[in-house]
Protein backbone atom coordinates (compact mmCIF):
# COMPACT_ATOMS: atom_id res chain seq x y z
CA UNK A 1 1.99 -56.97 -26.90
CA UNK A 2 -0.52 -53.94 -27.65
CA UNK A 3 2.32 -51.95 -29.41
CA UNK A 4 3.08 -54.71 -32.25
CA UNK A 5 2.55 -53.27 -35.86
CA UNK A 6 2.42 -49.59 -34.37
CA UNK A 7 4.84 -47.08 -35.74
CA UNK A 8 7.41 -45.53 -33.36
CA UNK A 9 4.93 -42.21 -33.62
CA UNK A 10 2.05 -44.14 -32.50
CA UNK A 11 3.71 -45.96 -29.72
CA UNK A 12 5.04 -42.64 -28.43
CA UNK A 13 1.58 -40.86 -28.47
CA UNK A 14 -0.04 -43.90 -26.99
CA UNK A 15 2.38 -44.01 -23.92
CA UNK A 16 2.06 -40.28 -23.33
CA UNK A 17 -1.83 -40.33 -23.62
CA UNK A 18 -3.41 -40.20 -19.92
CA UNK A 19 -6.33 -42.00 -21.25
CA UNK A 20 -4.00 -44.93 -22.37
CA UNK A 21 -1.18 -44.51 -19.48
CA UNK A 22 -3.19 -44.71 -16.20
CA UNK A 23 -3.15 -40.80 -16.13
CA UNK A 24 0.56 -40.45 -15.72
CA UNK A 25 2.39 -37.32 -16.21
CA UNK A 26 5.78 -37.31 -17.52
CA UNK A 27 7.94 -38.01 -14.41
CA UNK A 28 5.46 -40.62 -13.49
CA UNK A 29 5.62 -42.08 -16.84
CA UNK A 30 9.55 -42.37 -16.81
CA UNK A 31 9.22 -43.95 -13.31
CA UNK A 32 6.93 -46.49 -14.68
CA UNK A 33 9.13 -47.37 -17.77
CA UNK A 34 12.37 -47.38 -15.72
CA UNK A 35 11.36 -49.03 -12.22
CA UNK A 36 8.10 -50.82 -12.67
CA UNK A 37 8.10 -54.53 -12.06
CA UNK A 38 5.91 -55.40 -14.97
CA UNK A 39 8.35 -53.38 -17.35
CA UNK A 40 11.38 -54.78 -15.70
CA UNK A 41 10.15 -58.25 -16.40
CA UNK A 42 11.19 -57.69 -20.01
CA UNK A 43 14.63 -58.03 -19.04
CA UNK A 44 14.36 -61.32 -17.38
CA UNK A 45 11.06 -62.85 -18.85
CA UNK A 46 11.72 -66.53 -17.99
CA UNK A 47 12.60 -69.53 -20.04
CA UNK A 48 11.42 -69.46 -23.58
CA UNK A 49 11.11 -65.92 -23.94
CA UNK A 50 13.43 -63.49 -25.45
CA UNK A 51 14.58 -60.52 -23.30
CA UNK A 52 14.55 -57.02 -24.59
CA UNK A 53 17.61 -56.66 -26.59
CA UNK A 54 18.91 -53.60 -24.97
CA UNK A 55 20.85 -53.39 -21.40
CA UNK A 56 18.19 -51.96 -19.26
CA UNK A 57 20.75 -49.44 -18.00
CA UNK A 58 20.91 -48.34 -21.57
CA UNK A 59 17.15 -48.17 -21.88
CA UNK A 60 16.87 -45.87 -18.56
CA UNK A 61 19.41 -43.39 -20.11
CA UNK A 62 17.50 -43.29 -23.44
CA UNK A 63 14.27 -42.85 -21.58
CA UNK A 64 15.95 -40.02 -19.35
CA UNK A 65 17.26 -38.42 -22.32
CA UNK A 66 13.87 -38.38 -24.06
CA UNK A 67 12.32 -36.79 -21.05
CA UNK A 68 15.20 -34.22 -21.10
CA UNK A 69 14.33 -33.24 -24.49
CA UNK A 70 10.79 -32.54 -23.84
CA UNK A 71 9.47 -36.13 -24.64
CA UNK A 72 9.08 -35.66 -28.20
CA UNK A 73 7.39 -38.05 -30.49
CA UNK A 74 8.39 -38.65 -34.03
CA UNK A 75 6.14 -37.93 -36.74
CA UNK A 76 4.88 -40.95 -38.91
CA UNK A 77 6.77 -39.48 -41.83
CA UNK A 78 10.22 -39.69 -39.71
CA UNK A 79 10.20 -43.44 -39.92
CA UNK A 80 9.60 -43.35 -43.88
CA UNK A 81 12.41 -40.90 -44.48
CA UNK A 82 15.02 -43.16 -42.48
CA UNK A 83 14.06 -46.10 -44.77
């Protein structure tokens, strides 16, 4: 996956960047993250692959809460302060 090795802040900036997210606005991004077949595949990836370790409904709730909060991105130092 292209996000492996990135910080939470880098992933957040990446998915919000129109140049990297097929020019999606926030509403379109939330729709993609919560309904797109390719994203949904992560919860049922097939034999020999690990599913996303969070129930889909919980993921949807978190994505929508993130949207409602204005889709903030953590800073790279946020993670370091939690460690």
